[in-house]
Amino acid sequence: MRYLILMVLVLCGCTTPYTPDGLTGGFKERKISDDRYIVSFFGNANTKEAIVWNFWIYRCAELTVSKGYDLFTIEPSKEHALLSDPEREKLVSFSMLAANNDVPRRVPAYFIYIPGGTISTYSSKGVVNMFKLPLADNVNADRLLDARTLMKNLKPYVDSNGTIEPIDRKALLIRSAVEAKIKANMLSDEDAKQLRQKAGISDI
């Protein structure tokens, strides 16, 4: 029993790794349909919001690819970041992607009182819609993100367990959105190059 308590204390002193949800947090998903999932990432008290958000959106992209899809969207009305108690019953909603320009907003916060101090834990959650290439005619390509581009840009950060500086959040979303538009519209190499230049992307 004493060993178990010691292990819990040691684990609680670590940041949440990129792993399925467990004692110190992690990712989880719930299937709505074959191409639609609720994806969450829970962080513990030592895990910064930046780690939680980046690990969460990486999992959204990773799950998309693992299910055989190429592109994905996150429903703005369903996106959340939350600071929650251990039961995770309290939820603070916010728009992860601003409606006008897809610039992420700051996360609202509240604190939970526990004996001996105050603790806050971050979590991100969203409904992910997945799409295969070529796109069906009725799919709106405006808010699509390219899963593989997002993973490529975030993989070094995830592999470091959040110990290195991540790519700028806005730049990550722009890169992923531009590559999604290129693939969705099957642009020529020249048109793709021009679109990347307009978006300020010098490498992919």
C-alpha atoms as a PDB file:
ATOM      1  CA  MET A   1       0.000   0.000   0.000  1.00  0.00           C
ATOM      2  CA  ARG A   2       2.829   2.362   0.917  1.00  0.00           C
ATOM      3  CA  TYR A   3       4.533   1.548  -2.407  1.00  0.00           C
ATOM      4  CA  LEU A   4       1.330   2.296  -4.313  1.00  0.00           C
ATOM      5  CA  ILE A   5       0.951   5.667  -2.611  1.00  0.00           C
ATOM      6  CA  LEU A   6       4.583   6.475  -3.409  1.00  0.00           C
ATOM      7  CA  MET A   7       4.094   5.550  -7.068  1.00  0.00           C
ATOM      8  CA  VAL A   8       0.982   7.743  -7.277  1.00  0.00           C
ATOM      9  CA  LEU A   9       2.900  10.684  -5.830  1.00  0.00           C
ATOM     10  CA  VAL A  10       5.732  10.151  -8.321  1.00  0.00           C
ATOM     11  CA  LEU A  11       3.338   9.931 -11.267  1.00  0.00           C
ATOM     12  CA  CYS A  12       1.427  13.015 -10.143  1.00  0.00           C
ATOM     13  CA  GLY A  13       4.679  14.965 -10.263  1.00  0.00           C
ATOM     14  CA  CYS A  14       5.118  14.236 -13.987  1.00  0.00           C
ATOM     15  CA  THR A  15       3.506  15.902 -16.967  1.00  0.00           C
ATOM     16  CA  THR A  16       0.970  13.900 -18.934  1.00  0.00           C
ATOM     17  CA  PRO A  17       2.664  11.920 -21.740  1.00  0.00           C
ATOM     18  CA  TYR A  18       1.200  11.248 -25.183  1.00  0.00           C
ATOM     19  CA  THR A  19      -0.550   8.028 -24.280  1.00  0.00           C
ATOM     20  CA  PRO A  20      -4.072   6.649 -23.862  1.00  0.00           C
ATOM     21  CA  ASP A  21      -5.941   8.111 -20.884  1.00  0.00           C
ATOM     22  CA  GLY A  22      -4.652   6.686 -17.624  1.00  0.00           C
ATOM     23  CA  LEU A  23      -3.576   7.652 -14.125  1.00  0.00           C
ATOM     24  CA  THR A  24      -1.858  10.866 -15.236  1.00  0.00           C
ATOM     25  CA  GLY A  25      -4.239  11.668 -18.104  1.00  0.00           C
ATOM     26  CA  GLY A  26      -3.899  11.157 -21.847  1.00  0.00           C
ATOM     27  CA  PHE A  27      -6.063  10.826 -24.960  1.00  0.00           C
ATOM     28  CA  LYS A  28      -9.320   9.010 -25.483  1.00  0.00           C
ATOM     29  CA  GLU A  29     -11.927   8.908 -28.220  1.00  0.00           C
ATOM     30  CA  ARG A  30     -15.541   7.863 -28.528  1.00  0.00           C
ATOM     31  CA  LYS A  31     -16.940   6.693 -31.849  1.00  0.00           C
ATOM     32  CA  ILE A  32     -20.047   8.446 -33.154  1.00  0.00           C
ATOM     33  CA  SER A  33     -19.881   6.899 -36.619  1.00  0.00           C
ATOM     34  CA  ASP A  34     -17.175   5.435 -38.872  1.00  0.00           C
ATOM     35  CA  ASP A  35     -15.995   8.916 -39.870  1.00  0.00           C
ATOM     36  CA  ARG A  36     -16.916  10.877 -36.737  1.00  0.00           C
ATOM     37  CA  TYR A  37     -15.333  10.723 -33.277  1.00  0.00           C
ATOM     38  CA  ILE A  38     -15.234  12.724 -30.080  1.00  0.00           C
ATOM     39  CA  VAL A  39     -11.538  13.111 -29.266  1.00  0.00           C
ATOM     40  CA  SER A  40     -10.300  14.261 -25.859  1.00  0.00           C
ATOM     41  CA  PHE A  41      -6.991  14.809 -24.141  1.00  0.00           C
ATOM     42  CA  PHE A  42      -6.763  15.183 -20.378  1.00  0.00           C
ATOM     43  CA  GLY A  43      -3.781  16.721 -18.639  1.00  0.00           C
ATOM     44  CA  ASN A  44      -2.809  16.539 -14.991  1.00  0.00           C
ATOM     45  CA  ALA A  45      -1.902  19.455 -12.727  1.00  0.00           C
ATOM     46  CA  ASN A  46       1.675  19.568 -14.038  1.00  0.00           C
ATOM     47  CA  THR A  47       0.739  19.653 -17.720  1.00  0.00           C
ATOM     48  CA  LYS A  48       0.620  23.035 -19.443  1.00  0.00           C
ATOM     49  CA  GLU A  49      -2.211  24.061 -21.740  1.00  0.00           C
ATOM     50  CA  ALA A  50       0.143  24.115 -24.747  1.00  0.00           C
ATOM     51  CA  ILE A  51       1.037  20.453 -24.253  1.00  0.00           C
ATOM     52  CA  VAL A  52      -2.596  19.436 -23.858  1.00  0.00           C
ATOM     53  CA  TRP A  53      -3.750  21.342 -26.952  1.00  0.00           C
ATOM     54  CA  ASN A  54      -0.922  20.123 -29.188  1.00  0.00           C
ATOM     55  CA  PHE A  55      -1.221  16.514 -28.032  1.00  0.00           C
ATOM     56  CA  TRP A  56      -4.988  16.694 -28.507  1.00  0.00           C
ATOM     57  CA  ILE A  57      -4.926  18.013 -32.066  1.00  0.00           C
ATOM     58  CA  TYR A  58      -2.106  15.586 -32.928  1.00  0.00           C
ATOM     59  CA  ARG A  59      -4.341  12.758 -31.745  1.00  0.00           C
ATOM     60  CA  CYS A  60      -7.173  14.109 -33.926  1.00  0.00           C
ATOM     61  CA  ALA A  61      -4.874  13.888 -36.952  1.00  0.00           C
ATOM     62  CA  GLU A  62      -3.355  10.549 -35.957  1.00  0.00           C
ATOM     63  CA  LEU A  63      -6.783   8.977 -35.467  1.00  0.00           C
ATOM     64  CA  THR A  64      -7.888  10.317 -38.854  1.00  0.00           C
ATOM     65  CA  VAL A  65      -4.981   8.597 -40.604  1.00  0.00           C
ATOM     66  CA  SER A  66      -5.304   5.383 -38.594  1.00  0.00           C
ATOM     67  CA  LYS A  67      -8.949   5.062 -39.661  1.00  0.00           C
ATOM     68  CA  GLY A  68      -7.996   5.345 -43.335  1.00  0.00           C
ATOM     69  CA  TYR A  69      -8.908   9.020 -43.896  1.00  0.00           C
ATOM     70  CA  ASP A  70      -6.874  11.964 -45.153  1.00  0.00           C
ATOM     71  CA  LEU A  71      -8.500  15.220 -44.047  1.00  0.00           C
ATOM     72  CA  PHE A  72     -10.502  16.283 -41.033  1.00  0.00           C
ATOM     73  CA  THR A  73     -12.493  19.119 -39.534  1.00  0.00           C
ATOM     74  CA  ILE A  74     -13.250  19.999 -35.936  1.00  0.00           C
ATOM     75  CA  GLU A  75     -16.769  21.250 -35.326  1.00  0.00           C
ATOM     76  CA  PRO A  76     -16.461  24.808 -33.924  1.00  0.00           C
ATOM     77  CA  SER A  77     -19.642  24.501 -31.885  1.00  0.00           C
ATOM     78  CA  LYS A  78     -18.346  21.350 -30.221  1.00  0.00           C
ATOM     79  CA  GLU A  79     -14.799  22.411 -29.421  1.00  0.00           C
ATOM     80  CA  HIS A  80     -13.861  22.769 -25.790  1.00  0.00           C
ATOM     81  CA  ALA A  81     -10.974  23.369 -23.515  1.00  0.00           C
ATOM     82  CA  LEU A  82     -11.664  22.701 -19.908  1.00  0.00           C
ATOM     83  CA  LEU A  83     -10.268  22.900 -16.474  1.00  0.00           C
ATOM     84  CA  SER A  84     -11.918  20.172 -14.504  1.00  0.00           C
ATOM     85  CA  ASP A  85     -12.075  18.364 -11.219  1.00  0.00           C
ATOM     86  CA  PRO A  86     -10.896  14.737 -11.060  1.00  0.00           C
ATOM     87  CA  GLU A  87     -14.341  13.559 -12.161  1.00  0.00           C
ATOM     88  CA  ARG A  88     -14.153  15.954 -15.132  1.00  0.00           C
ATOM     89  CA  GLU A  89     -17.755  16.980 -14.690  1.00  0.00           C
ATOM     90  CA  LYS A  90     -17.263  20.716 -15.198  1.00  0.00           C
ATOM     91  CA  LEU A  91     -16.842  22.090 -18.687  1.00  0.00           C
ATOM     92  CA  VAL A  92     -15.851  25.519 -19.967  1.00  0.00           C
ATOM     93  CA  SER A  93     -16.616  25.972 -23.656  1.00  0.00           C
ATOM     94  CA  PHE A  94     -14.736  28.199 -26.066  1.00  0.00           C
ATOM     95  CA  SER A  95     -14.127  28.423 -29.791  1.00  0.00           C
ATOM     96  CA  MET A  96     -10.821  26.720 -30.541  1.00  0.00           C
ATOM     97  CA  LEU A  97     -10.794  28.264 -33.998  1.00  0.00           C
ATOM     98  CA  ALA A  98     -12.154  31.786 -34.313  1.00  0.00           C
ATOM     99  CA  ALA A  99     -14.960  31.969 -36.847  1.00  0.00           C
ATOM    100  CA  ASN A 100     -13.368  34.702 -38.937  1.00  0.00           C
ATOM    101  CA  ASN A 101      -9.723  33.732 -39.253  1.00  0.00           C
ATOM    102  CA  ASP A 102      -9.083  30.412 -37.506  1.00  0.00           C
ATOM    103  CA  VAL A 103      -6.805  32.030 -34.918  1.00  0.00           C
ATOM    104  CA  PRO A 104      -7.025  30.073 -31.666  1.00  0.00           C
ATOM    105  CA  ARG A 105      -8.263  31.979 -28.632  1.00  0.00           C
ATOM    106  CA  ARG A 106      -6.934  31.839 -25.107  1.00  0.00           C
ATOM    107  CA  VAL A 107      -8.364  29.203 -22.831  1.00  0.00           C
ATOM    108  CA  PRO A 108     -10.641  30.352 -19.999  1.00  0.00           C
ATOM    109  CA  ALA A 109      -9.704  28.983 -16.598  1.00  0.00           C
ATOM    110  CA  TYR A 110     -11.004  28.257 -13.166  1.00  0.00           C
ATOM    111  CA  PHE A 111      -9.376  26.644 -10.177  1.00  0.00           C
ATOM    112  CA  ILE A 112     -10.392  23.728  -8.005  1.00  0.00           C
ATOM    113  CA  TYR A 113      -9.780  23.746  -4.278  1.00  0.00           C
ATOM    114  CA  ILE A 114      -8.198  20.637  -2.818  1.00  0.00           C
ATOM    115  CA  PRO A 115      -6.767  20.087   0.657  1.00  0.00           C
ATOM    116  CA  GLY A 116      -3.352  21.654   0.819  1.00  0.00           C
ATOM    117  CA  GLY A 117      -3.661  24.000  -2.138  1.00  0.00           C
ATOM    118  CA  THR A 118      -5.249  24.865  -5.446  1.00  0.00           C
ATOM    119  CA  ILE A 119      -4.841  22.874  -8.629  1.00  0.00           C
ATOM    120  CA  SER A 120      -5.908  23.375 -12.215  1.00  0.00           C
ATOM    121  CA  THR A 121      -5.948  20.707 -14.915  1.00  0.00           C
ATOM    122  CA  TYR A 122      -6.327  21.315 -18.619  1.00  0.00           C
ATOM    123  CA  SER A 123      -8.235  19.284 -21.163  1.00  0.00           C
ATOM    124  CA  SER A 124      -9.153  19.660 -24.831  1.00  0.00           C
ATOM    125  CA  LYS A 125     -12.084  18.022 -26.554  1.00  0.00           C
ATOM    126  CA  GLY A 126     -13.706  18.188 -29.980  1.00  0.00           C
ATOM    127  CA  VAL A 127     -15.877  16.385 -32.502  1.00  0.00           C
ATOM    128  CA  VAL A 128     -13.683  15.276 -35.414  1.00  0.00           C
ATOM    129  CA  ASN A 129     -15.169  14.668 -38.863  1.00  0.00           C
ATOM    130  CA  MET A 130     -12.971  12.642 -41.233  1.00  0.00           C
ATOM    131  CA  PHE A 131     -12.826  12.690 -45.030  1.00  0.00           C
ATOM    132  CA  LYS A 132     -11.150  10.630 -47.742  1.00  0.00           C
ATOM    133  CA  LEU A 133      -9.614  11.872 -50.963  1.00  0.00           C
ATOM    134  CA  PRO A 134     -10.925  12.547 -53.502  1.00  0.00           C
ATOM    135  CA  LEU A 135     -13.595  14.567 -51.716  1.00  0.00           C
ATOM    136  CA  ALA A 136     -17.265  14.129 -52.416  1.00  0.00           C
ATOM    137  CA  ASP A 137     -18.885  17.061 -54.230  1.00  0.00           C
ATOM    138  CA  ASN A 138     -20.997  18.029 -51.214  1.00  0.00           C
ATOM    139  CA  VAL A 139     -18.035  18.512 -48.842  1.00  0.00           C
ATOM    140  CA  ASN A 140     -17.091  22.088 -47.939  1.00  0.00           C
ATOM    141  CA  ALA A 141     -13.299  22.255 -48.132  1.00  0.00           C
ATOM    142  CA  ASP A 142     -12.966  25.612 -46.359  1.00  0.00           C
ATOM    143  CA  ARG A 143     -12.290  24.268 -42.853  1.00  0.00           C
ATOM    144  CA  LEU A 144     -10.450  21.065 -43.725  1.00  0.00           C
ATOM    145  CA  LEU A 145      -7.083  20.215 -42.181  1.00  0.00           C
ATOM    146  CA  ASP A 146      -4.601  17.817 -43.742  1.00  0.00           C
ATOM    147  CA  ALA A 147      -3.905  15.148 -41.137  1.00  0.00           C
ATOM    148  CA  ARG A 148      -0.468  14.106 -42.397  1.00  0.00           C
ATOM    149  CA  THR A 149       0.809  17.677 -42.667  1.00  0.00           C
ATOM    150  CA  LEU A 150      -0.299  18.392 -39.124  1.00  0.00           C
ATOM    151  CA  MET A 151       1.339  15.226 -37.823  1.00  0.00           C
ATOM    152  CA  LYS A 152       4.591  15.954 -39.664  1.00  0.00           C
ATOM    153  CA  ASN A 153       4.819  19.423 -38.134  1.00  0.00           C
ATOM    154  CA  LEU A 154       3.941  18.316 -34.598  1.00  0.00           C
ATOM    155  CA  LYS A 155       5.749  14.963 -34.454  1.00  0.00           C
ATOM    156  CA  PRO A 156       9.077  16.340 -33.131  1.00  0.00           C
ATOM    157  CA  TYR A 157       7.188  18.076 -30.323  1.00  0.00           C
ATOM    158  CA  VAL A 158       5.145  14.988 -29.473  1.00  0.00           C
ATOM    159  CA  ASP A 159       8.234  12.752 -29.618  1.00  0.00           C
ATOM    160  CA  SER A 160       9.957  15.100 -27.151  1.00  0.00           C
ATOM    161  CA  ASN A 161       6.971  14.771 -24.792  1.00  0.00           C
ATOM    162  CA  GLY A 162       6.452  18.511 -25.001  1.00  0.00           C
ATOM    163  CA  THR A 163       9.965  19.451 -23.906  1.00  0.00           C
ATOM    164  CA  ILE A 164      10.858  21.413 -27.058  1.00  0.00           C
ATOM    165  CA  GLU A 165       9.185  24.508 -28.452  1.00  0.00           C
ATOM    166  CA  PRO A 166       6.173  23.599 -30.630  1.00  0.00           C
ATOM    167  CA  ILE A 167       5.410  25.116 -33.995  1.00  0.00           C
ATOM    168  CA  ASP A 168       3.333  28.276 -33.671  1.00  0.00           C
ATOM    169  CA  ARG A 169      -0.312  27.275 -33.336  1.00  0.00           C
ATOM    170  CA  LYS A 170      -1.545  29.635 -36.038  1.00  0.00           C
ATOM    171  CA  ALA A 171       1.214  28.499 -38.426  1.00  0.00           C
ATOM    172  CA  LEU A 172       0.335  24.863 -37.758  1.00  0.00           C
ATOM    173  CA  LEU A 173      -3.306  25.404 -38.657  1.00  0.00           C
ATOM    174  CA  ILE A 174      -2.484  27.488 -41.735  1.00  0.00           C
ATOM    175  CA  ARG A 175      -0.052  24.875 -43.072  1.00  0.00           C
ATOM    176  CA  SER A 176      -2.541  22.076 -42.509  1.00  0.00           C
ATOM    177  CA  ALA A 177      -5.404  24.050 -44.054  1.00  0.00           C
ATOM    178  CA  VAL A 178      -3.375  25.053 -47.124  1.00  0.00           C
ATOM    179  CA  GLU A 179      -2.271  21.479 -47.813  1.00  0.00           C
ATOM    180  CA  ALA A 180      -5.854  20.297 -47.355  1.00  0.00           C
ATOM    181  CA  LYS A 181      -7.052  22.843 -49.910  1.00  0.00           C
ATOM    182  CA  ILE A 182      -4.335  21.818 -52.364  1.00  0.00           C
ATOM    183  CA  LYS A 183      -5.284  18.152 -52.099  1.00  0.00           C
ATOM    184  CA  ALA A 184      -9.037  18.719 -51.983  1.00  0.00           C
ATOM    185  CA  ASN A 185      -8.961  20.839 -55.133  1.00  0.00           C
ATOM    186  CA  MET A 186      -6.252  18.735 -56.817  1.00  0.00           C
ATOM    187  CA  LEU A 187      -4.224  21.847 -57.627  1.00  0.00           C
ATOM    188  CA  SER A 188      -1.354  21.717 -60.078  1.00  0.00           C
ATOM    189  CA  ASP A 189       2.191  22.030 -58.750  1.00  0.00           C
ATOM    190  CA  GLU A 190       2.351  25.646 -59.915  1.00  0.00           C
ATOM    191  CA  ASP A 191      -0.983  26.595 -58.340  1.00  0.00           C
ATOM    192  CA  ALA A 192      -0.018  24.805 -55.135  1.00  0.00           C
ATOM    193  CA  LYS A 193       3.258  26.725 -55.032  1.00  0.00           C
ATOM    194  CA  GLN A 194       1.443  30.043 -55.462  1.00  0.00           C
ATOM    195  CA  LEU A 195      -1.048  29.193 -52.712  1.00  0.00           C
ATOM    196  CA  ARG A 196       1.752  28.314 -50.300  1.00  0.00           C
ATOM    197  CA  GLN A 197       3.548  31.560 -51.135  1.00  0.00           C
ATOM    198  CA  LYS A 198       0.394  33.580 -50.469  1.00  0.00           C
ATOM    199  CA  ALA A 199       0.084  31.843 -47.107  1.00  0.00           C
ATOM    200  CA  GLY A 200       3.713  32.601 -46.270  1.00  0.00           C
ATOM    201  CA  ILE A 201       4.794  28.959 -46.325  1.00  0.00           C
ATOM    202  CA  SER A 202       8.352  28.482 -47.545  1.00  0.00           C
ATOM    203  CA  ASP A 203       8.621  24.780 -46.719  1.00  0.00           C
ATOM    204  CA  ILE A 204       6.204  21.903 -46.115  1.00  0.00           C
END
